[in-house]
Amino acid sequence: MCRILGVSRAQYYRYRSPKPSKRRAEDADLKQRILRIFAEFKQRYGVMKIHHELNLELQPLQLRCSPRQISRLMKELDIQLRYRQ
């Protein structure tokens, strides 16, 4: 059937069950946390400070995130720190 439709088997099953993957669910949770921290500190925290705050918050849950992951999520959210002038 996949050959007839011209799609790969993975694409067919992904279309058939559109539930979000584990990574997408974790990313959605982290995006909410990043937005909250970013707003809480008046848009002045960059990747490293948000990384520090997030790891303090996630430590009791025994979770971690990397600065690179935070940077990627901030780019997806299209947010960047505001500089003081």
PDB file of N, CA and C in Angstrom:
ATOM      1  N   MET A   1       0.817  -1.188   0.000  1.00  0.00           N
ATOM      2  CA  MET A   1       0.000   0.000   0.000  1.00  0.00           C
ATOM      3  C   MET A   1       0.868   1.262   0.000  1.00  0.00           C
ATOM      4  N   CYS A   2       1.958   1.223   0.752  1.00  0.00           N
ATOM      5  CA  CYS A   2       2.853   2.380   0.800  1.00  0.00           C
ATOM      6  C   CYS A   2       3.460   2.661  -0.572  1.00  0.00           C
ATOM      7  N   ARG A   3       3.773   1.589  -1.307  1.00  0.00           N
ATOM      8  CA  ARG A   3       4.331   1.766  -2.642  1.00  0.00           C
ATOM      9  C   ARG A   3       3.325   2.436  -3.577  1.00  0.00           C
ATOM     10  N   ILE A   4       2.075   2.060  -3.434  1.00  0.00           N
ATOM     11  CA  ILE A   4       1.034   2.633  -4.281  1.00  0.00           C
ATOM     12  C   ILE A   4       0.869   4.119  -3.989  1.00  0.00           C
ATOM     13  N   LEU A   5       0.898   4.467  -2.687  1.00  0.00           N
ATOM     14  CA  LEU A   5       0.741   5.868  -2.290  1.00  0.00           C
ATOM     15  C   LEU A   5       2.014   6.684  -2.486  1.00  0.00           C
ATOM     16  N   GLY A   6       3.139   5.989  -2.604  1.00  0.00           N
ATOM     17  CA  GLY A   6       4.402   6.683  -2.817  1.00  0.00           C
ATOM     18  C   GLY A   6       4.953   7.328  -1.556  1.00  0.00           C
ATOM     19  N   VAL A   7       4.669   6.703  -0.410  1.00  0.00           N
ATOM     20  CA  VAL A   7       5.183   7.219   0.863  1.00  0.00           C
ATOM     21  C   VAL A   7       5.948   6.114   1.575  1.00  0.00           C
ATOM     22  N   SER A   8       6.814   6.523   2.492  1.00  0.00           N
ATOM     23  CA  SER A   8       7.558   5.530   3.250  1.00  0.00           C
ATOM     24  C   SER A   8       6.666   4.939   4.337  1.00  0.00           C
ATOM     25  N   ARG A   9       7.077   3.824   4.847  1.00  0.00           N
ATOM     26  CA  ARG A   9       6.308   3.159   5.891  1.00  0.00           C
ATOM     27  C   ARG A   9       6.236   4.022   7.154  1.00  0.00           C
ATOM     28  N   ALA A  10       7.322   4.682   7.488  1.00  0.00           N
ATOM     29  CA  ALA A  10       7.357   5.540   8.677  1.00  0.00           C
ATOM     30  C   ALA A  10       6.368   6.704   8.541  1.00  0.00           C
ATOM     31  N   GLN A  11       6.311   7.311   7.368  1.00  0.00           N
ATOM     32  CA  GLN A  11       5.373   8.413   7.152  1.00  0.00           C
ATOM     33  C   GLN A  11       3.930   7.929   7.274  1.00  0.00           C
ATOM     34  N   TYR A  12       3.651   6.739   6.758  1.00  0.00           N
ATOM     35  CA  TYR A  12       2.299   6.196   6.831  1.00  0.00           C
ATOM     36  C   TYR A  12       1.868   6.009   8.291  1.00  0.00           C
ATOM     37  N   TYR A  13       2.729   5.399   9.091  1.00  0.00           N
ATOM     38  CA  TYR A  13       2.360   5.154  10.494  1.00  0.00           C
ATOM     39  C   TYR A  13       2.327   6.452  11.300  1.00  0.00           C
ATOM     40  N   ARG A  14       3.161   7.406  10.953  1.00  0.00           N
ATOM     41  CA  ARG A  14       3.127   8.699  11.627  1.00  0.00           C
ATOM     42  C   ARG A  14       1.805   9.411  11.327  1.00  0.00           C
ATOM     43  N   TYR A  15       1.340   9.297  10.097  1.00  0.00           N
ATOM     44  CA  TYR A  15       0.059   9.898   9.710  1.00  0.00           C
ATOM     45  C   TYR A  15      -1.094   9.173  10.398  1.00  0.00           C
ATOM     46  N   ARG A  16      -0.971   7.878  10.525  1.00  0.00           N
ATOM     47  CA  ARG A  16      -2.036   7.065  11.097  1.00  0.00           C
ATOM     48  C   ARG A  16      -2.239   7.322  12.584  1.00  0.00           C
ATOM     49  N   SER A  17      -1.187   7.559  13.314  1.00  0.00           N
ATOM     50  CA  SER A  17      -1.317   7.855  14.755  1.00  0.00           C
ATOM     51  C   SER A  17      -0.604   9.167  15.039  1.00  0.00           C
ATOM     52  N   PRO A  18      -1.322  10.289  14.959  1.00  0.00           N
ATOM     53  CA  PRO A  18      -0.673  11.601  15.063  1.00  0.00           C
ATOM     54  C   PRO A  18      -0.361  12.068  16.487  1.00  0.00           C
ATOM     55  N   LYS A  19      -0.192  11.154  17.429  1.00  0.00           N
ATOM     56  CA  LYS A  19       0.149  11.596  18.773  1.00  0.00           C
ATOM     57  C   LYS A  19       1.571  12.155  18.776  1.00  0.00           C
ATOM     58  N   PRO A  20       1.817  13.153  19.606  1.00  0.00           N
ATOM     59  CA  PRO A  20       3.159  13.757  19.619  1.00  0.00           C
ATOM     60  C   PRO A  20       4.189  12.789  20.211  1.00  0.00           C
ATOM     61  N   SER A  21       5.387  12.882  19.698  1.00  0.00           N
ATOM     62  CA  SER A  21       6.463  12.032  20.209  1.00  0.00           C
ATOM     63  C   SER A  21       6.872  12.498  21.607  1.00  0.00           C
ATOM     64  N   LYS A  22       7.659  11.699  22.263  1.00  0.00           N
ATOM     65  CA  LYS A  22       8.113  12.028  23.616  1.00  0.00           C
ATOM     66  C   LYS A  22       8.930  13.319  23.605  1.00  0.00           C
ATOM     67  N   ARG A  23       9.773  13.470  22.604  1.00  0.00           N
ATOM     68  CA  ARG A  23      10.607  14.665  22.515  1.00  0.00           C
ATOM     69  C   ARG A  23       9.762  15.917  22.298  1.00  0.00           C
ATOM     70  N   ARG A  24       8.765  15.834  21.422  1.00  0.00           N
ATOM     71  CA  ARG A  24       7.901  16.989  21.184  1.00  0.00           C
ATOM     72  C   ARG A  24       7.120  17.371  22.436  1.00  0.00           C
ATOM     73  N   ALA A  25       6.678  16.375  23.213  1.00  0.00           N
ATOM     74  CA  ALA A  25       5.962  16.656  24.450  1.00  0.00           C
ATOM     75  C   ALA A  25       6.881  17.337  25.464  1.00  0.00           C
ATOM     76  N   GLU A  26       8.119  16.854  25.570  1.00  0.00           N
ATOM     77  CA  GLU A  26       9.088  17.476  26.479  1.00  0.00           C
ATOM     78  C   GLU A  26       9.427  18.883  26.017  1.00  0.00           C
ATOM     79  N   ASP A  27       9.581  19.069  24.707  1.00  0.00           N
ATOM     80  CA  ASP A  27       9.870  20.394  24.171  1.00  0.00           C
ATOM     81  C   ASP A  27       8.742  21.375  24.461  1.00  0.00           C
ATOM     82  N   ALA A  28       7.503  20.919  24.350  1.00  0.00           N
ATOM     83  CA  ALA A  28       6.359  21.794  24.635  1.00  0.00           C
ATOM     84  C   ALA A  28       6.383  22.231  26.103  1.00  0.00           C
ATOM     85  N   ASP A  29       6.706  21.309  26.996  1.00  0.00           N
ATOM     86  CA  ASP A  29       6.798  21.645  28.427  1.00  0.00           C
ATOM     87  C   ASP A  29       7.935  22.634  28.670  1.00  0.00           C
ATOM     88  N   LEU A  30       9.087  22.382  28.052  1.00  0.00           N
ATOM     89  CA  LEU A  30      10.230  23.277  28.231  1.00  0.00           C
ATOM     90  C   LEU A  30       9.958  24.658  27.648  1.00  0.00           C
ATOM     91  N   LYS A  31       9.241  24.721  26.536  1.00  0.00           N
ATOM     92  CA  LYS A  31       8.911  26.016  25.935  1.00  0.00           C
ATOM     93  C   LYS A  31       8.083  26.859  26.884  1.00  0.00           C
ATOM     94  N   GLN A  32       7.115  26.228  27.563  1.00  0.00           N
ATOM     95  CA  GLN A  32       6.306  26.962  28.534  1.00  0.00           C
ATOM     96  C   GLN A  32       7.167  27.473  29.679  1.00  0.00           C
ATOM     97  N   ARG A  33       8.060  26.640  30.156  1.00  0.00           N
ATOM     98  CA  ARG A  33       8.943  27.043  31.262  1.00  0.00           C
ATOM     99  C   ARG A  33       9.893  28.165  30.829  1.00  0.00           C
ATOM    100  N   ILE A  34      10.426  28.061  29.607  1.00  0.00           N
ATOM    101  CA  ILE A  34      11.323  29.095  29.091  1.00  0.00           C
ATOM    102  C   ILE A  34      10.596  30.425  28.978  1.00  0.00           C
ATOM    103  N   LEU A  35       9.385  30.403  28.437  1.00  0.00           N
ATOM    104  CA  LEU A  35       8.613  31.642  28.307  1.00  0.00           C
ATOM    105  C   LEU A  35       8.320  32.262  29.666  1.00  0.00           C
ATOM    106  N   ARG A  36       8.009  31.419  30.654  1.00  0.00           N
ATOM    107  CA  ARG A  36       7.726  31.933  31.997  1.00  0.00           C
ATOM    108  C   ARG A  36       8.967  32.572  32.614  1.00  0.00           C
ATOM    109  N   ILE A  37      10.103  31.903  32.517  1.00  0.00           N
ATOM    110  CA  ILE A  37      11.351  32.452  33.066  1.00  0.00           C
ATOM    111  C   ILE A  37      11.744  33.716  32.327  1.00  0.00           C
ATOM    112  N   PHE A  38      11.606  33.702  31.009  1.00  0.00           N
ATOM    113  CA  PHE A  38      11.964  34.855  30.190  1.00  0.00           C
ATOM    114  C   PHE A  38      11.128  36.073  30.579  1.00  0.00           C
ATOM    115  N   ALA A  39       9.842  35.875  30.795  1.00  0.00           N
ATOM    116  CA  ALA A  39       8.957  36.982  31.186  1.00  0.00           C
ATOM    117  C   ALA A  39       9.227  37.409  32.632  1.00  0.00           C
ATOM    118  N   GLU A  40       9.500  36.451  33.477  1.00  0.00           N
ATOM    119  CA  GLU A  40       9.746  36.739  34.893  1.00  0.00           C
ATOM    120  C   GLU A  40      10.950  37.657  35.093  1.00  0.00           C
ATOM    121  N   PHE A  41      11.948  37.498  34.291  1.00  0.00           N
ATOM    122  CA  PHE A  41      13.159  38.301  34.413  1.00  0.00           C
ATOM    123  C   PHE A  41      13.228  39.407  33.356  1.00  0.00           C
ATOM    124  N   LYS A  42      12.073  39.884  32.946  1.00  0.00           N
ATOM    125  CA  LYS A  42      11.919  41.059  32.083  1.00  0.00           C
ATOM    126  C   LYS A  42      12.695  40.962  30.770  1.00  0.00           C
ATOM    127  N   GLN A  43      12.723  39.790  30.178  1.00  0.00           N
ATOM    128  CA  GLN A  43      13.346  39.543  28.872  1.00  0.00           C
ATOM    129  C   GLN A  43      14.835  39.880  28.858  1.00  0.00           C
ATOM    130  N   ARG A  44      15.480  39.753  29.993  1.00  0.00           N
ATOM    131  CA  ARG A  44      16.907  40.074  30.067  1.00  0.00           C
ATOM    132  C   ARG A  44      17.792  38.847  30.236  1.00  0.00           C
ATOM    133  N   TYR A  45      17.190  37.684  30.348  1.00  0.00           N
ATOM    134  CA  TYR A  45      17.984  36.466  30.524  1.00  0.00           C
ATOM    135  C   TYR A  45      18.227  35.812  29.172  1.00  0.00           C
ATOM    136  N   GLY A  46      19.485  35.449  28.953  1.00  0.00           N
ATOM    137  CA  GLY A  46      19.859  34.749  27.732  1.00  0.00           C
ATOM    138  C   GLY A  46      19.864  33.248  27.962  1.00  0.00           C
ATOM    139  N   VAL A  47      20.483  32.540  27.061  1.00  0.00           N
ATOM    140  CA  VAL A  47      20.475  31.081  27.084  1.00  0.00           C
ATOM    141  C   VAL A  47      21.109  30.535  28.358  1.00  0.00           C
ATOM    142  N   MET A  48      22.269  31.049  28.745  1.00  0.00           N
ATOM    143  CA  MET A  48      22.974  30.470  29.886  1.00  0.00           C
ATOM    144  C   MET A  48      22.244  30.712  31.206  1.00  0.00           C
ATOM    145  N   LYS A  49      21.675  31.885  31.393  1.00  0.00           N
ATOM    146  CA  LYS A  49      20.950  32.159  32.634  1.00  0.00           C
ATOM    147  C   LYS A  49      19.639  31.375  32.678  1.00  0.00           C
ATOM    148  N   ILE A  50      18.969  31.256  31.542  1.00  0.00           N
ATOM    149  CA  ILE A  50      17.751  30.446  31.502  1.00  0.00           C
ATOM    150  C   ILE A  50      18.109  28.985  31.758  1.00  0.00           C
ATOM    151  N   HIS A  51      19.228  28.542  31.226  1.00  0.00           N
ATOM    152  CA  HIS A  51      19.701  27.174  31.462  1.00  0.00           C
ATOM    153  C   HIS A  51      19.898  26.932  32.949  1.00  0.00           C
ATOM    154  N   HIS A  52      20.522  27.870  33.614  1.00  0.00           N
ATOM    155  CA  HIS A  52      20.762  27.736  35.052  1.00  0.00           C
ATOM    156  C   HIS A  52      19.439  27.677  35.824  1.00  0.00           C
ATOM    157  N   GLU A  53      18.532  28.581  35.532  1.00  0.00           N
ATOM    158  CA  GLU A  53      17.233  28.623  36.221  1.00  0.00           C
ATOM    159  C   GLU A  53      16.423  27.350  35.946  1.00  0.00           C
ATOM    160  N   LEU A  54      16.437  26.892  34.706  1.00  0.00           N
ATOM    161  CA  LEU A  54      15.682  25.688  34.363  1.00  0.00           C
ATOM    162  C   LEU A  54      16.237  24.459  35.068  1.00  0.00           C
ATOM    163  N   ASN A  55      17.544  24.333  35.116  1.00  0.00           N
ATOM    164  CA  ASN A  55      18.119  23.171  35.778  1.00  0.00           C
ATOM    165  C   ASN A  55      17.853  23.199  37.276  1.00  0.00           C
ATOM    166  N   LEU A  56      17.792  24.388  37.883  1.00  0.00           N
ATOM    167  CA  LEU A  56      17.415  24.468  39.296  1.00  0.00           C
ATOM    168  C   LEU A  56      15.970  24.009  39.479  1.00  0.00           C
ATOM    169  N   GLU A  57      15.130  24.375  38.539  1.00  0.00           N
ATOM    170  CA  GLU A  57      13.708  24.018  38.593  1.00  0.00           C
ATOM    171  C   GLU A  57      13.486  22.532  38.305  1.00  0.00           C
ATOM    172  N   LEU A  58      14.268  21.964  37.402  1.00  0.00           N
ATOM    173  CA  LEU A  58      14.080  20.578  36.992  1.00  0.00           C
ATOM    174  C   LEU A  58      14.825  19.580  37.878  1.00  0.00           C
ATOM    175  N   GLN A  59      15.725  20.065  38.719  1.00  0.00           N
ATOM    176  CA  GLN A  59      16.535  19.191  39.559  1.00  0.00           C
ATOM    177  C   GLN A  59      15.698  18.287  40.460  1.00  0.00           C
ATOM    178  N   PRO A  60      14.663  18.798  41.151  1.00  0.00           N
ATOM    179  CA  PRO A  60      13.849  17.887  41.970  1.00  0.00           C
ATOM    180  C   PRO A  60      13.131  16.814  41.151  1.00  0.00           C
ATOM    181  N   LEU A  61      12.870  17.093  39.880  1.00  0.00           N
ATOM    182  CA  LEU A  61      12.210  16.125  39.003  1.00  0.00           C
ATOM    183  C   LEU A  61      13.208  15.164  38.366  1.00  0.00           C
ATOM    184  N   GLN A  62      14.480  15.344  38.661  1.00  0.00           N
ATOM    185  CA  GLN A  62      15.585  14.560  38.106  1.00  0.00           C
ATOM    186  C   GLN A  62      15.624  14.634  36.583  1.00  0.00           C
ATOM    187  N   LEU A  63      15.407  15.838  36.074  1.00  0.00           N
ATOM    188  CA  LEU A  63      15.496  16.101  34.644  1.00  0.00           C
ATOM    189  C   LEU A  63      16.577  17.140  34.403  1.00  0.00           C
ATOM    190  N   ARG A  64      17.087  17.171  33.178  1.00  0.00           N
ATOM    191  CA  ARG A  64      18.100  18.158  32.806  1.00  0.00           C
ATOM    192  C   ARG A  64      17.871  18.597  31.380  1.00  0.00           C
ATOM    193  N   CYS A  65      18.440  19.737  31.039  1.00  0.00           N
ATOM    194  CA  CYS A  65      18.404  20.200  29.656  1.00  0.00           C
ATOM    195  C   CYS A  65      19.732  20.899  29.372  1.00  0.00           C
ATOM    196  N   SER A  66      20.093  20.930  28.115  1.00  0.00           N
ATOM    197  CA  SER A  66      21.369  21.513  27.727  1.00  0.00           C
ATOM    198  C   SER A  66      21.163  22.933  27.205  1.00  0.00           C
ATOM    199  N   PRO A  67      22.223  23.749  27.241  1.00  0.00           N
ATOM    200  CA  PRO A  67      22.122  25.094  26.670  1.00  0.00           C
ATOM    201  C   PRO A  67      21.785  25.060  25.182  1.00  0.00           C
ATOM    202  N   ARG A  68      22.274  24.065  24.493  1.00  0.00           N
ATOM    203  CA  ARG A  68      21.998  23.951  23.058  1.00  0.00           C
ATOM    204  C   ARG A  68      20.509  23.705  22.809  1.00  0.00           C
ATOM    205  N   GLN A  69      19.893  22.877  23.645  1.00  0.00           N
ATOM    206  CA  GLN A  69      18.464  22.609  23.522  1.00  0.00           C
ATOM    207  C   GLN A  69      17.660  23.876  23.800  1.00  0.00           C
ATOM    208  N   ILE A  70      18.060  24.626  24.808  1.00  0.00           N
ATOM    209  CA  ILE A  70      17.376  25.871  25.152  1.00  0.00           C
ATOM    210  C   ILE A  70      17.519  26.876  24.014  1.00  0.00           C
ATOM    211  N   SER A  71      18.710  26.943  23.436  1.00  0.00           N
ATOM    212  CA  SER A  71      18.934  27.846  22.312  1.00  0.00           C
ATOM    213  C   SER A  71      18.018  27.496  21.143  1.00  0.00           C
ATOM    214  N   ARG A  72      17.900  26.203  20.845  1.00  0.00           N
ATOM    215  CA  ARG A  72      17.037  25.752  19.755  1.00  0.00           C
ATOM    216  C   ARG A  72      15.579  26.122  20.030  1.00  0.00           C
ATOM    217  N   LEU A  73      15.133  25.906  21.258  1.00  0.00           N
ATOM    218  CA  LEU A  73      13.744  26.215  21.608  1.00  0.00           C
ATOM    219  C   LEU A  73      13.478  27.719  21.597  1.00  0.00           C
ATOM    220  N   MET A  74      14.464  28.506  22.024  1.00  0.00           N
ATOM    221  CA  MET A  74      14.292  29.959  21.987  1.00  0.00           C
ATOM    222  C   MET A  74      14.199  30.451  20.545  1.00  0.00           C
ATOM    223  N   LYS A  75      14.950  29.841  19.649  1.00  0.00           N
ATOM    224  CA  LYS A  75      14.850  30.204  18.230  1.00  0.00           C
ATOM    225  C   LYS A  75      13.486  29.835  17.670  1.00  0.00           C
ATOM    226  N   GLU A  76      12.966  28.660  18.083  1.00  0.00           N
ATOM    227  CA  GLU A  76      11.635  28.264  17.625  1.00  0.00           C
ATOM    228  C   GLU A  76      10.572  29.218  18.154  1.00  0.00           C
ATOM    229  N   LEU A  77      10.754  29.699  19.386  1.00  0.00           N
ATOM    230  CA  LEU A  77       9.805  30.640  19.974  1.00  0.00           C
ATOM    231  C   LEU A  77      10.019  32.055  19.462  1.00  0.00           C
ATOM    232  N   ASP A  78      11.132  32.265  18.763  1.00  0.00           N
ATOM    233  CA  ASP A  78      11.500  33.573  18.232  1.00  0.00           C
ATOM    234  C   ASP A  78      11.614  34.620  19.347  1.00  0.00           C
ATOM    235  N   ILE A  79      12.348  34.244  20.397  1.00  0.00           N
ATOM    236  CA  ILE A  79      12.604  35.197  21.484  1.00  0.00           C
ATOM    237  C   ILE A  79      14.106  35.380  21.628  1.00  0.00           C
ATOM    238  N   GLN A  80      14.496  36.577  21.991  1.00  0.00           N
ATOM    239  CA  GLN A  80      15.882  36.873  22.269  1.00  0.00           C
ATOM    240  C   GLN A  80      15.933  37.954  23.334  1.00  0.00           C
ATOM    241  N   LEU A  81      17.036  37.982  24.053  1.00  0.00           N
ATOM    242  CA  LEU A  81      17.108  38.912  25.176  1.00  0.00           C
ATOM    243  C   LEU A  81      17.155  40.352  24.728  1.00  0.00           C
ATOM    244  N   ARG A  82      16.657  41.183  25.602  1.00  0.00           N
ATOM    245  CA  ARG A  82      16.635  42.627  25.359  1.00  0.00           C
ATOM    246  C   ARG A  82      17.828  43.229  26.073  1.00  0.00           C
ATOM    247  N   TYR A  83      18.569  44.052  25.386  1.00  0.00           N
ATOM    248  CA  TYR A  83      19.742  44.669  25.974  1.00  0.00           C
ATOM    249  C   TYR A  83      19.364  45.977  26.653  1.00  0.00           C
ATOM    250  N   ARG A  84      20.038  46.262  27.753  1.00  0.00           N
ATOM    251  CA  ARG A  84      19.837  47.550  28.410  1.00  0.00           C
ATOM    252  C   ARG A  84      20.556  48.617  27.627  1.00  0.00           C
ATOM    253  N   GLN A  85      19.957  49.800  27.587  1.00  0.00           N
ATOM    254  CA  GLN A  85      20.644  50.892  26.877  1.00  0.00           C
ATOM    255  C   GLN A  85      20.721  52.107  27.740  1.00  0.00           C
TER     256      GLN A  85
END
